[in-house]
Amino acid sequence: MAGPATAQPSSRPSVLRCLVVAVLLIVVLLGIAVLVFWLAVRPKPLEFTVDGARVRGFNVSGHALDAAFDLTLSAHNRNRRVSVYYDSLEVSVWLDEQSVAAAEAAPFHQPRRNVTTLVVAPAARGAPLLAAVEKSLKRERSGGWLGLEVRVRARIRLKVGAIKTRHYVLWAYCPSVIVRFAAPSPAQEFNKVYCDVDI
C-alpha cells in the first residue's frame, strides 16, 4: 500500500514576488528616464498674448451682431530644445460667455526660442445674441468701448531633437480684452493681455 502523499511546495508565491519586483523595477526605470529627460530639456510653458485689438462694422440689430474683430496675437516659445508644430489653430471671440465669431490661422512650425505673430480677423455675421449679452453690448457701446474674451484652440506637437510627440490640445484664455471704438489717444494705448495657457 502506498504511503500518504506529501504536499509539494507551491511555486505561486515566488512567481508573484518576481512579478511585483519586475513591475517596481519598470516603474523606477521610467521615473529615472522622465527625470533625465526633464533635466536635459528643462521644458518651459508656452505663452500667448493679445497685442492689439480693434473692431470694425459694429452693429447690433434684430438681436444679432455684425462686426469684424482685428486681432494681433503672439505665440511665445521660450524653450531652448523644444520646437512646436501648430497643426491647426482657431481663434474665437466671446462676449459674456457667448461665442460670436471665429477664424482659423494657417498651420505653422515654431522654432525654439521664438515669438510668432498671428494676425486674424474673426467676423460675426448676424450672430444671434442672448438678451443679457445684447443689453451689455449696447451699454458698453454707449461708453465707447467693448470688453471681450479671446480664446485660442490649437492642435500641437512638440519636437525634441528628432523625436515628435503625439498631438496635444492647447487652450489659451485671454480675458478682459478692451477694444475702443474711437481712435485711442496716447493715454489710451492698447494694453497687452496675457493669456492663461492649458495643454
Protein backbone atom coordinates (compact mmCIF):
# COMPACT_ATOMS: atom_id res chain seq x y z
CA MET A 1 0.00 0.00 0.00
CA ALA A 2 1.34 3.40 -0.95
CA GLY A 3 2.07 5.86 1.81
CA PRO A 4 0.29 9.20 2.23
CA ALA A 5 1.07 11.76 -0.48
CA THR A 6 3.41 14.51 0.57
CA ALA A 7 2.45 18.11 -0.25
CA GLN A 8 4.58 19.75 -2.91
CA PRO A 9 5.72 23.32 -2.16
CA SER A 10 3.77 25.82 -4.24
CA SER A 11 5.70 28.00 -6.69
CA ARG A 12 3.00 30.67 -6.81
CA PRO A 13 4.42 32.97 -4.09
CA SER A 14 7.80 33.12 -5.82
CA VAL A 15 6.22 33.86 -9.24
CA LEU A 16 4.08 36.60 -7.71
CA ARG A 17 7.11 38.04 -5.96
CA CYS A 18 9.04 38.15 -9.24
CA LEU A 19 6.16 39.92 -10.97
CA VAL A 20 5.95 42.56 -8.25
CA VAL A 21 9.71 43.16 -8.38
CA ALA A 22 9.61 43.43 -12.18
CA VAL A 23 6.76 45.96 -12.11
CA LEU A 24 8.53 48.05 -9.46
CA LEU A 25 11.74 47.96 -11.48
CA ILE A 26 9.94 49.16 -14.61
CA VAL A 27 8.28 52.00 -12.68
CA VAL A 28 11.64 53.08 -11.21
CA LEU A 29 13.34 52.98 -14.62
CA LEU A 30 10.55 55.01 -16.21
CA GLY A 31 10.79 57.57 -13.41
CA ILE A 32 14.55 57.86 -13.91
CA ALA A 33 14.06 58.26 -17.68
CA VAL A 34 11.48 61.04 -17.17
CA LEU A 35 13.77 62.80 -14.69
CA VAL A 36 16.77 62.61 -17.04
CA PHE A 37 14.62 63.90 -19.92
CA TRP A 38 13.32 66.81 -17.83
CA LEU A 39 16.80 67.74 -16.63
CA ALA A 40 18.11 67.66 -20.21
CA VAL A 41 15.23 69.56 -21.82
CA ARG A 42 14.02 71.80 -18.96
CA PRO A 43 10.67 72.46 -20.71
CA LYS A 44 9.10 75.86 -20.21
CA PRO A 45 5.37 76.59 -20.66
CA LEU A 46 4.14 78.07 -23.93
CA GLU A 47 2.71 81.58 -23.69
CA PHE A 48 0.15 83.64 -25.62
CA THR A 49 -0.57 87.36 -25.52
CA VAL A 50 -3.06 89.64 -27.25
CA ASP A 51 -1.01 92.58 -28.53
CA GLY A 52 -3.71 94.50 -30.39
CA ALA A 53 -7.45 94.51 -30.98
CA ARG A 54 -9.97 96.69 -32.77
CA VAL A 55 -13.49 96.30 -34.10
CA ARG A 56 -14.95 97.29 -37.49
CA GLY A 57 -18.52 97.44 -38.76
CA PHE A 58 -20.04 97.02 -35.31
CA ASN A 59 -23.83 96.86 -35.44
CA VAL A 60 -26.46 95.32 -33.17
CA SER A 61 -29.83 94.94 -34.86
CA GLY A 62 -32.66 92.46 -34.53
CA HIS A 63 -30.99 90.74 -31.58
CA ALA A 64 -27.98 89.91 -33.77
CA LEU A 65 -24.41 91.20 -34.11
CA ASP A 66 -22.42 92.19 -37.16
CA ALA A 67 -18.76 93.03 -36.52
CA ALA A 68 -15.21 92.21 -37.55
CA PHE A 69 -12.53 91.88 -34.89
CA ASP A 70 -8.95 92.60 -35.96
CA LEU A 71 -6.70 90.77 -33.52
CA THR A 72 -2.93 90.55 -33.21
CA LEU A 73 -1.64 87.75 -31.02
CA SER A 74 1.82 86.49 -30.15
CA ALA A 75 2.77 82.86 -29.51
CA HIS A 76 5.86 82.61 -27.32
CA ASN A 77 8.10 79.53 -27.29
CA ARG A 78 10.80 80.16 -24.68
CA ASN A 79 12.27 76.65 -24.88
CA ARG A 80 15.87 76.10 -25.95
CA ARG A 81 15.43 72.49 -27.01
CA VAL A 82 11.74 72.19 -27.91
CA SER A 83 10.09 73.37 -31.12
CA VAL A 84 6.33 73.34 -31.70
CA TYR A 85 4.17 72.27 -34.63
CA TYR A 86 0.82 74.07 -34.69
CA ASP A 87 -1.14 71.75 -36.99
CA SER A 88 -4.38 73.71 -36.53
CA LEU A 89 -5.27 76.88 -34.69
CA GLU A 90 -8.63 78.60 -34.17
CA VAL A 91 -9.18 82.00 -32.55
CA SER A 92 -12.64 82.83 -31.24
CA VAL A 93 -14.22 85.93 -29.72
CA TRP A 94 -16.52 85.57 -26.72
CA LEU A 95 -18.86 88.13 -25.21
CA ASP A 96 -20.17 87.29 -21.74
CA GLU A 97 -19.59 83.55 -22.22
CA GLN A 98 -21.20 83.59 -25.68
CA SER A 99 -19.14 82.82 -28.77
CA VAL A 100 -19.87 85.32 -31.55
CA ALA A 101 -17.01 84.98 -34.06
CA ALA A 102 -14.15 82.66 -35.01
CA ALA A 103 -11.31 82.44 -37.51
CA GLU A 104 -8.59 79.94 -38.35
CA ALA A 105 -4.89 80.68 -38.69
CA ALA A 106 -2.63 78.79 -41.08
CA PRO A 107 -0.62 75.89 -39.60
CA PHE A 108 3.00 76.70 -38.79
CA HIS A 109 6.16 75.36 -37.19
CA GLN A 110 7.58 77.44 -34.37
CA PRO A 111 11.33 77.12 -33.80
CA ARG A 112 12.99 77.16 -30.42
CA ARG A 113 13.17 80.47 -28.54
CA ASN A 114 10.81 82.15 -30.98
CA VAL A 115 7.91 84.60 -30.91
CA THR A 116 5.41 84.17 -33.75
CA THR A 117 2.90 86.93 -34.54
CA LEU A 118 -0.60 85.90 -35.61
CA VAL A 119 -3.00 88.32 -37.29
CA VAL A 120 -6.59 87.12 -37.54
CA ALA A 121 -9.95 88.76 -38.14
CA PRO A 122 -12.85 86.74 -36.69
CA ALA A 123 -16.12 88.09 -38.09
CA ALA A 124 -19.65 87.97 -36.75
CA ARG A 125 -22.30 87.92 -39.47
CA GLY A 126 -25.77 88.09 -37.99
CA ALA A 127 -24.61 86.25 -34.86
CA PRO A 128 -27.66 85.80 -32.58
CA LEU A 129 -27.30 87.39 -29.15
CA LEU A 130 -28.71 86.43 -25.80
CA ALA A 131 -30.82 89.19 -24.28
CA ALA A 132 -28.33 89.83 -21.47
CA VAL A 133 -25.41 89.97 -23.90
CA GLU A 134 -27.24 92.40 -26.19
CA LYS A 135 -28.01 94.68 -23.26
CA SER A 136 -24.39 94.61 -22.12
CA LEU A 137 -23.12 95.34 -25.63
CA LYS A 138 -25.35 98.39 -26.02
CA ARG A 139 -24.25 99.72 -22.65
CA GLU A 140 -20.57 99.28 -23.47
CA ARG A 141 -21.03 100.74 -26.97
CA SER A 142 -22.50 103.90 -25.48
CA GLY A 143 -19.37 104.19 -23.33
CA GLY A 144 -17.11 103.92 -26.37
CA TRP A 145 -15.54 100.58 -25.53
CA LEU A 146 -16.13 96.86 -25.74
CA GLY A 147 -14.92 94.13 -23.37
CA LEU A 148 -14.39 90.70 -24.86
CA GLU A 149 -12.56 87.43 -24.28
CA VAL A 150 -10.27 85.86 -26.86
CA ARG A 151 -9.82 82.09 -26.85
CA VAL A 152 -7.32 80.01 -28.79
CA ARG A 153 -7.66 76.30 -29.50
CA ALA A 154 -4.76 74.55 -31.22
CA ARG A 155 -3.62 71.01 -32.02
CA ILE A 156 0.11 70.90 -31.40
CA ARG A 157 3.04 68.51 -31.46
CA LEU A 158 6.31 69.06 -29.67
CA LYS A 159 9.68 68.19 -31.19
CA VAL A 160 12.81 67.44 -29.16
CA GLY A 161 15.76 66.59 -31.37
CA ALA A 162 14.43 64.11 -33.91
CA ILE A 163 11.52 62.99 -31.70
CA LYS A 164 7.99 64.32 -32.20
CA THR A 165 5.27 63.78 -29.63
CA ARG A 166 1.67 62.83 -30.25
CA HIS A 167 -0.92 65.59 -30.67
CA TYR A 168 -1.95 67.68 -27.70
CA VAL A 169 -4.76 70.23 -27.48
CA LEU A 170 -3.65 73.69 -26.36
CA TRP A 171 -6.16 76.16 -24.93
CA ALA A 172 -5.38 79.82 -24.31
CA TYR A 173 -7.87 82.02 -22.47
CA CYS A 174 -7.34 85.77 -22.84
CA PRO A 175 -9.85 87.65 -20.65
CA SER A 176 -10.64 91.35 -20.35
CA VAL A 177 -9.55 92.43 -23.83
CA ILE A 178 -10.71 96.04 -24.06
CA VAL A 179 -11.45 97.39 -27.55
CA ARG A 180 -12.13 101.11 -28.01
CA PHE A 181 -14.36 102.35 -30.81
CA ALA A 182 -12.77 105.78 -31.08
CA ALA A 183 -9.15 106.25 -32.13
CA PRO A 184 -7.18 105.91 -28.89
CA SER A 185 -5.20 108.80 -27.53
CA PRO A 186 -1.62 108.18 -26.35
CA ALA A 187 -3.03 107.72 -22.85
CA GLN A 188 -5.42 105.05 -24.17
CA GLU A 189 -2.97 102.77 -25.97
CA PHE A 190 -3.99 99.13 -26.12
CA ASN A 191 -2.87 97.24 -23.05
CA LYS A 192 -1.30 93.87 -23.83
CA VAL A 193 -3.32 90.99 -22.40
CA TYR A 194 -1.58 87.89 -21.05
CA CYS A 195 -3.42 84.63 -21.59
CA ASP A 196 -3.82 81.56 -19.41
CA VAL A 197 -2.49 78.56 -21.35
CA ASP A 198 -3.51 74.97 -20.69
CA ILE A 199 -2.33 71.83 -22.50
